[in-house]
Amino acid sequence: MRGKFIVLEGGEGAGKSTAAAFLKEQLPREQFLFTREPGGTPFAEKVRALMIAPEATGASAEALFTLVWAGRFDHVKNVIKPALERGTHVISERFDSSTFAYQIRGQETPALEKLFWECRALLGECIPDLYIWLDVSPEEGLHRMRENTRKAEPIDQFEARELAFHTRVRAGLTEFFANVPVVKIDAGRPLGVVQQDVLSHVKMVT
């Protein structure tokens, strides 16, 4: 039986990594594969490093869009598709939803929208079965991120952008999720409640 493909999505500070770590503890390892975007393969991790580097701050949406799709196609071919075909469920922190929200709406490049859906069609059967949207206000998300002194990585060039950018990202997620299977979870609630909610939806799908 083919595995299910689930995406954890949300803006900065929504708790995607925390939710993924919790799921890893709760779900049988032999049945689930956890990954992330940008990243997931050696090639795609190099793409990630390029995209979040300070030097990329002035990069155009077109440049970043091209980079992320190159990494995504490699990720799907070498990690996601093989796992799904052998019956393993895949949970990814971010996927194409982030590209739509960040590059097309956040960076205000609507001309990329048609190309986005054409690239998505090239994924074939590797389209997520469910998106779990951890929704939090941009103000709260940025506050959480910047107050988190335990953050393992420095603030990247997307996280450092102004509130207006993150407000557009949230609007982009809202728009994207009107077209795909999604569960919206209020990530502003207590952590334990959010985690159990995420776990419940994953179990229902898998």
C-alpha atoms as a PDB file:
ATOM      1  CA  MET A   1       0.000   0.000   0.000  1.00  0.00           C
ATOM      2  CA  ARG A   2       1.301   3.447  -0.918  1.00  0.00           C
ATOM      3  CA  GLY A   3       2.301   5.749   1.933  1.00  0.00           C
ATOM      4  CA  LYS A   4       0.639   9.061   2.697  1.00  0.00           C
ATOM      5  CA  PHE A   5       2.342  12.407   2.140  1.00  0.00           C
ATOM      6  CA  ILE A   6       1.670  15.030   4.838  1.00  0.00           C
ATOM      7  CA  VAL A   7       3.034  18.565   5.018  1.00  0.00           C
ATOM      8  CA  LEU A   8       3.424  20.660   8.162  1.00  0.00           C
ATOM      9  CA  GLU A   9       3.089  24.279   7.101  1.00  0.00           C
ATOM     10  CA  GLY A  10       2.927  27.707   8.663  1.00  0.00           C
ATOM     11  CA  GLY A  11       4.649  31.055   8.930  1.00  0.00           C
ATOM     12  CA  GLU A  12       7.662  31.864  11.043  1.00  0.00           C
ATOM     13  CA  GLY A  13       7.287  30.830  14.684  1.00  0.00           C
ATOM     14  CA  ALA A  14       4.225  28.663  14.046  1.00  0.00           C
ATOM     15  CA  GLY A  15       5.858  25.596  15.604  1.00  0.00           C
ATOM     16  CA  LYS A  16       6.450  23.318  12.623  1.00  0.00           C
ATOM     17  CA  SER A  17       9.776  21.945  13.873  1.00  0.00           C
ATOM     18  CA  THR A  18       8.399  21.474  17.380  1.00  0.00           C
ATOM     19  CA  ALA A  19       5.405  19.590  15.997  1.00  0.00           C
ATOM     20  CA  ALA A  20       7.664  17.414  13.827  1.00  0.00           C
ATOM     21  CA  ALA A  21       9.864  16.561  16.823  1.00  0.00           C
ATOM     22  CA  PHE A  22       6.783  15.586  18.829  1.00  0.00           C
ATOM     23  CA  LEU A  23       5.464  13.390  16.015  1.00  0.00           C
ATOM     24  CA  LYS A  24       8.821  11.624  15.778  1.00  0.00           C
ATOM     25  CA  GLU A  25       8.449  10.626  19.417  1.00  0.00           C
ATOM     26  CA  GLN A  26       4.862   9.444  19.039  1.00  0.00           C
ATOM     27  CA  LEU A  27       4.818   7.600  15.719  1.00  0.00           C
ATOM     28  CA  PRO A  28       6.488   4.287  14.780  1.00  0.00           C
ATOM     29  CA  ARG A  29       9.826   5.044  13.115  1.00  0.00           C
ATOM     30  CA  GLU A  30       9.580   2.169  10.684  1.00  0.00           C
ATOM     31  CA  GLN A  31       6.363   3.593   9.208  1.00  0.00           C
ATOM     32  CA  PHE A  32       7.250   7.290   8.918  1.00  0.00           C
ATOM     33  CA  LEU A  33       9.941   9.341   7.226  1.00  0.00           C
ATOM     34  CA  PHE A  34      10.517  12.934   8.350  1.00  0.00           C
ATOM     35  CA  THR A  35      12.060  15.515   6.056  1.00  0.00           C
ATOM     36  CA  ARG A  36      12.050  19.249   5.344  1.00  0.00           C
ATOM     37  CA  GLU A  37      12.113  21.893   2.636  1.00  0.00           C
ATOM     38  CA  PRO A  38      14.140  23.473   1.361  1.00  0.00           C
ATOM     39  CA  GLY A  39      16.347  20.446   1.903  1.00  0.00           C
ATOM     40  CA  GLY A  40      15.916  16.730   2.317  1.00  0.00           C
ATOM     41  CA  THR A  41      18.791  15.604   0.079  1.00  0.00           C
ATOM     42  CA  PRO A  42      22.479  16.633  -0.047  1.00  0.00           C
ATOM     43  CA  PHE A  43      21.801  18.713  -3.169  1.00  0.00           C
ATOM     44  CA  ALA A  44      18.639  20.305  -1.762  1.00  0.00           C
ATOM     45  CA  GLU A  45      20.377  21.151   1.524  1.00  0.00           C
ATOM     46  CA  LYS A  46      22.890  23.188  -0.488  1.00  0.00           C
ATOM     47  CA  VAL A  47      19.942  24.939  -2.119  1.00  0.00           C
ATOM     48  CA  ARG A  48      18.590  25.671   1.369  1.00  0.00           C
ATOM     49  CA  ALA A  49      21.879  27.189   2.453  1.00  0.00           C
ATOM     50  CA  LEU A  50      21.882  29.427  -0.603  1.00  0.00           C
ATOM     51  CA  MET A  51      18.285  30.561  -0.109  1.00  0.00           C
ATOM     52  CA  ILE A  52      18.564  31.572   3.543  1.00  0.00           C
ATOM     53  CA  ALA A  53      22.063  33.082   3.381  1.00  0.00           C
ATOM     54  CA  PRO A  54      22.381  36.826   4.060  1.00  0.00           C
ATOM     55  CA  GLU A  55      23.757  37.188   0.530  1.00  0.00           C
ATOM     56  CA  ALA A  56      20.375  36.059  -0.826  1.00  0.00           C
ATOM     57  CA  THR A  57      18.533  38.999   0.733  1.00  0.00           C
ATOM     58  CA  GLY A  58      18.585  40.910  -2.524  1.00  0.00           C
ATOM     59  CA  ALA A  59      17.893  37.885  -4.716  1.00  0.00           C
ATOM     60  CA  SER A  60      14.822  38.151  -6.913  1.00  0.00           C
ATOM     61  CA  ALA A  61      11.755  36.002  -6.375  1.00  0.00           C
ATOM     62  CA  GLU A  62      12.454  34.442  -9.765  1.00  0.00           C
ATOM     63  CA  ALA A  63      15.937  33.358  -8.670  1.00  0.00           C
ATOM     64  CA  LEU A  64      14.696  31.872  -5.399  1.00  0.00           C
ATOM     65  CA  PHE A  65      11.710  30.253  -7.089  1.00  0.00           C
ATOM     66  CA  THR A  66      14.027  28.487  -9.543  1.00  0.00           C
ATOM     67  CA  LEU A  67      16.354  27.345  -6.781  1.00  0.00           C
ATOM     68  CA  VAL A  68      13.635  25.925  -4.556  1.00  0.00           C
ATOM     69  CA  TRP A  69      11.986  23.989  -7.378  1.00  0.00           C
ATOM     70  CA  ALA A  70      15.360  22.499  -8.383  1.00  0.00           C
ATOM     71  CA  GLY A  71      15.829  21.280  -4.829  1.00  0.00           C
ATOM     72  CA  ARG A  72      12.219  20.061  -4.645  1.00  0.00           C
ATOM     73  CA  PHE A  73      12.443  17.936  -7.779  1.00  0.00           C
ATOM     74  CA  ASP A  74      15.602  16.303  -6.410  1.00  0.00           C
ATOM     75  CA  HIS A  75      13.938  15.808  -3.022  1.00  0.00           C
ATOM     76  CA  VAL A  76      10.865  14.194  -4.552  1.00  0.00           C
ATOM     77  CA  LYS A  77      12.810  11.926  -6.903  1.00  0.00           C
ATOM     78  CA  ASN A  78      15.359  10.677  -4.392  1.00  0.00           C
ATOM     79  CA  VAL A  79      13.526  10.711  -1.049  1.00  0.00           C
ATOM     80  CA  ILE A  80       9.779  11.304  -1.124  1.00  0.00           C
ATOM     81  CA  LYS A  81       8.688   9.185  -4.082  1.00  0.00           C
ATOM     82  CA  PRO A  82      10.743   6.078  -3.111  1.00  0.00           C
ATOM     83  CA  ALA A  83       9.431   6.266   0.460  1.00  0.00           C
ATOM     84  CA  LEU A  84       5.798   6.552  -0.615  1.00  0.00           C
ATOM     85  CA  GLU A  85       6.183   3.678  -3.072  1.00  0.00           C
ATOM     86  CA  ARG A  86       7.519   1.337  -0.394  1.00  0.00           C
ATOM     87  CA  GLY A  87       4.565   2.186   1.858  1.00  0.00           C
ATOM     88  CA  THR A  88       6.291   4.659   4.185  1.00  0.00           C
ATOM     89  CA  HIS A  89       4.387   7.765   5.252  1.00  0.00           C
ATOM     90  CA  VAL A  90       6.261  11.023   4.631  1.00  0.00           C
ATOM     91  CA  ILE A  91       5.949  14.109   6.842  1.00  0.00           C
ATOM     92  CA  SER A  92       7.674  17.219   5.518  1.00  0.00           C
ATOM     93  CA  GLU A  93       8.189  20.556   7.207  1.00  0.00           C
ATOM     94  CA  ARG A  94       7.149  22.893   4.397  1.00  0.00           C
ATOM     95  CA  PHE A  95       6.628  22.045   0.733  1.00  0.00           C
ATOM     96  CA  ASP A  96       5.168  23.820  -2.315  1.00  0.00           C
ATOM     97  CA  SER A  97       2.786  25.825  -0.131  1.00  0.00           C
ATOM     98  CA  SER A  98       5.777  27.800   1.151  1.00  0.00           C
ATOM     99  CA  THR A  99       6.923  28.614  -2.369  1.00  0.00           C
ATOM    100  CA  PHE A 100       3.520  30.024  -3.245  1.00  0.00           C
ATOM    101  CA  ALA A 101       3.333  32.031  -0.025  1.00  0.00           C
ATOM    102  CA  TYR A 102       6.910  33.312   0.148  1.00  0.00           C
ATOM    103  CA  GLN A 103       8.002  33.844  -3.443  1.00  0.00           C
ATOM    104  CA  ILE A 104       4.709  34.636  -5.176  1.00  0.00           C
ATOM    105  CA  ARG A 105       2.815  36.524  -2.478  1.00  0.00           C
ATOM    106  CA  GLY A 106       5.497  37.506   0.041  1.00  0.00           C
ATOM    107  CA  GLN A 107       7.877  38.776  -2.622  1.00  0.00           C
ATOM    108  CA  GLU A 108       4.959  40.089  -4.675  1.00  0.00           C
ATOM    109  CA  THR A 109       5.615  38.287  -7.960  1.00  0.00           C
ATOM    110  CA  PRO A 110       2.209  37.234  -9.331  1.00  0.00           C
ATOM    111  CA  ALA A 111       3.755  36.578 -12.765  1.00  0.00           C
ATOM    112  CA  LEU A 112       5.196  33.353 -11.278  1.00  0.00           C
ATOM    113  CA  GLU A 113       1.793  31.923 -10.397  1.00  0.00           C
ATOM    114  CA  LYS A 114       1.147  30.157 -13.718  1.00  0.00           C
ATOM    115  CA  LEU A 115       4.640  28.650 -13.686  1.00  0.00           C
ATOM    116  CA  PHE A 116       4.118  27.529 -10.091  1.00  0.00           C
ATOM    117  CA  TRP A 117       1.080  25.414 -10.980  1.00  0.00           C
ATOM    118  CA  GLU A 118       2.879  24.019 -14.035  1.00  0.00           C
ATOM    119  CA  CYS A 119       5.833  22.961 -11.868  1.00  0.00           C
ATOM    120  CA  ARG A 120       3.455  21.444  -9.329  1.00  0.00           C
ATOM    121  CA  ALA A 121       1.854  19.360 -12.072  1.00  0.00           C
ATOM    122  CA  LEU A 122       5.284  17.878 -12.808  1.00  0.00           C
ATOM    123  CA  LEU A 123       5.301  16.307  -9.336  1.00  0.00           C
ATOM    124  CA  GLY A 124       2.848  13.737 -10.665  1.00  0.00           C
ATOM    125  CA  GLU A 125       1.572  11.495  -7.881  1.00  0.00           C
ATOM    126  CA  CYS A 126       3.842  13.118  -5.295  1.00  0.00           C
ATOM    127  CA  ILE A 127       1.269  15.730  -4.338  1.00  0.00           C
ATOM    128  CA  PRO A 128       0.589  15.970  -0.584  1.00  0.00           C
ATOM    129  CA  ASP A 129      -2.420  14.043   0.655  1.00  0.00           C
ATOM    130  CA  LEU A 130      -2.877  16.556   3.476  1.00  0.00           C
ATOM    131  CA  TYR A 131      -1.457  19.882   4.580  1.00  0.00           C
ATOM    132  CA  ILE A 132      -1.573  20.655   8.296  1.00  0.00           C
ATOM    133  CA  TRP A 133      -1.537  24.422   8.608  1.00  0.00           C
ATOM    134  CA  LEU A 134      -0.228  25.629  11.947  1.00  0.00           C
ATOM    135  CA  ASP A 135      -1.695  29.103  11.866  1.00  0.00           C
ATOM    136  CA  VAL A 136      -0.497  31.925  14.081  1.00  0.00           C
ATOM    137  CA  SER A 137      -0.603  35.669  13.543  1.00  0.00           C
ATOM    138  CA  PRO A 138       2.545  37.109  11.944  1.00  0.00           C
ATOM    139  CA  GLU A 139       3.033  39.330  14.990  1.00  0.00           C
ATOM    140  CA  GLU A 140       2.932  36.404  17.398  1.00  0.00           C
ATOM    141  CA  GLY A 141       5.065  34.200  15.169  1.00  0.00           C
ATOM    142  CA  LEU A 142       7.823  36.785  14.834  1.00  0.00           C
ATOM    143  CA  HIS A 143       7.699  37.474  18.561  1.00  0.00           C
ATOM    144  CA  ARG A 144       8.114  33.768  19.343  1.00  0.00           C
ATOM    145  CA  MET A 145      10.969  33.395  16.896  1.00  0.00           C
ATOM    146  CA  ARG A 146      12.906  36.380  18.147  1.00  0.00           C
ATOM    147  CA  GLU A 147      12.336  35.540  21.811  1.00  0.00           C
ATOM    148  CA  ASN A 148      13.529  31.961  21.386  1.00  0.00           C
ATOM    149  CA  THR A 149      17.058  32.136  22.734  1.00  0.00           C
ATOM    150  CA  ARG A 150      17.463  28.381  22.242  1.00  0.00           C
ATOM    151  CA  LYS A 151      17.202  28.690  18.468  1.00  0.00           C
ATOM    152  CA  ALA A 152      19.824  26.412  16.936  1.00  0.00           C
ATOM    153  CA  GLU A 153      20.381  28.555  13.836  1.00  0.00           C
ATOM    154  CA  PRO A 154      20.758  32.321  13.435  1.00  0.00           C
ATOM    155  CA  ILE A 155      17.819  34.276  12.059  1.00  0.00           C
ATOM    156  CA  ASP A 156      17.806  33.814   8.298  1.00  0.00           C
ATOM    157  CA  GLN A 157      17.066  36.363   5.603  1.00  0.00           C
ATOM    158  CA  PHE A 158      13.362  35.470   5.399  1.00  0.00           C
ATOM    159  CA  GLU A 159      12.812  35.507   9.149  1.00  0.00           C
ATOM    160  CA  ALA A 160      14.484  38.924   9.341  1.00  0.00           C
ATOM    161  CA  ARG A 161      12.073  40.556   6.897  1.00  0.00           C
ATOM    162  CA  GLU A 162       9.537  43.185   7.903  1.00  0.00           C
ATOM    163  CA  LEU A 163       6.089  42.424   9.300  1.00  0.00           C
ATOM    164  CA  ALA A 164       4.403  43.403   6.026  1.00  0.00           C
ATOM    165  CA  PHE A 165       6.246  40.590   4.250  1.00  0.00           C
ATOM    166  CA  HIS A 166       5.058  38.007   6.771  1.00  0.00           C
ATOM    167  CA  THR A 167       1.522  39.365   6.575  1.00  0.00           C
ATOM    168  CA  ARG A 168       1.602  38.770   2.806  1.00  0.00           C
ATOM    169  CA  VAL A 169       2.972  35.258   3.417  1.00  0.00           C
ATOM    170  CA  ARG A 170       0.016  34.424   5.642  1.00  0.00           C
ATOM    171  CA  ALA A 171      -2.361  35.766   3.009  1.00  0.00           C
ATOM    172  CA  GLY A 172      -0.581  33.603   0.447  1.00  0.00           C
ATOM    173  CA  LEU A 173      -1.043  30.509   2.587  1.00  0.00           C
ATOM    174  CA  THR A 174      -4.724  31.334   2.976  1.00  0.00           C
ATOM    175  CA  GLU A 175      -5.055  31.592  -0.787  1.00  0.00           C
ATOM    176  CA  PHE A 176      -3.114  28.413  -1.520  1.00  0.00           C
ATOM    177  CA  PHE A 177      -5.005  26.357   1.040  1.00  0.00           C
ATOM    178  CA  ALA A 178      -8.313  27.199  -0.612  1.00  0.00           C
ATOM    179  CA  ASN A 179      -7.280  24.784  -3.383  1.00  0.00           C
ATOM    180  CA  VAL A 180      -5.832  21.751  -1.577  1.00  0.00           C
ATOM    181  CA  PRO A 181      -6.750  19.317   1.235  1.00  0.00           C
ATOM    182  CA  VAL A 182      -5.894  21.103   4.463  1.00  0.00           C
ATOM    183  CA  VAL A 183      -6.538  21.064   8.190  1.00  0.00           C
ATOM    184  CA  LYS A 184      -6.112  24.457   9.833  1.00  0.00           C
ATOM    185  CA  ILE A 185      -4.892  24.339  13.419  1.00  0.00           C
ATOM    186  CA  ASP A 186      -4.846  27.353  15.728  1.00  0.00           C
ATOM    187  CA  ALA A 187      -1.185  27.343  16.782  1.00  0.00           C
ATOM    188  CA  GLY A 188      -1.775  30.156  19.263  1.00  0.00           C
ATOM    189  CA  ARG A 189      -3.189  27.683  21.788  1.00  0.00           C
ATOM    190  CA  PRO A 190      -1.110  25.897  24.481  1.00  0.00           C
ATOM    191  CA  LEU A 191       1.636  23.725  22.993  1.00  0.00           C
ATOM    192  CA  GLY A 192       0.337  20.440  24.348  1.00  0.00           C
ATOM    193  CA  VAL A 193      -3.098  21.033  22.861  1.00  0.00           C
ATOM    194  CA  VAL A 194      -1.630  21.896  19.464  1.00  0.00           C
ATOM    195  CA  GLN A 195       0.624  18.830  19.472  1.00  0.00           C
ATOM    196  CA  GLN A 196      -2.215  16.447  20.268  1.00  0.00           C
ATOM    197  CA  ASP A 197      -4.345  18.063  17.585  1.00  0.00           C
ATOM    198  CA  VAL A 198      -1.600  17.550  14.983  1.00  0.00           C
ATOM    199  CA  LEU A 199      -1.051  13.948  16.080  1.00  0.00           C
ATOM    200  CA  SER A 200      -4.758  13.203  15.855  1.00  0.00           C
ATOM    201  CA  HIS A 201      -4.982  14.438  12.266  1.00  0.00           C
ATOM    202  CA  VAL A 202      -1.876  12.506  11.214  1.00  0.00           C
ATOM    203  CA  LYS A 203      -3.324   9.315  12.663  1.00  0.00           C
ATOM    204  CA  MET A 204      -6.629   9.877  10.859  1.00  0.00           C
ATOM    205  CA  VAL A 205      -4.859  10.128   7.506  1.00  0.00           C
ATOM    206  CA  THR A 206      -2.403   7.273   7.967  1.00  0.00           C
END
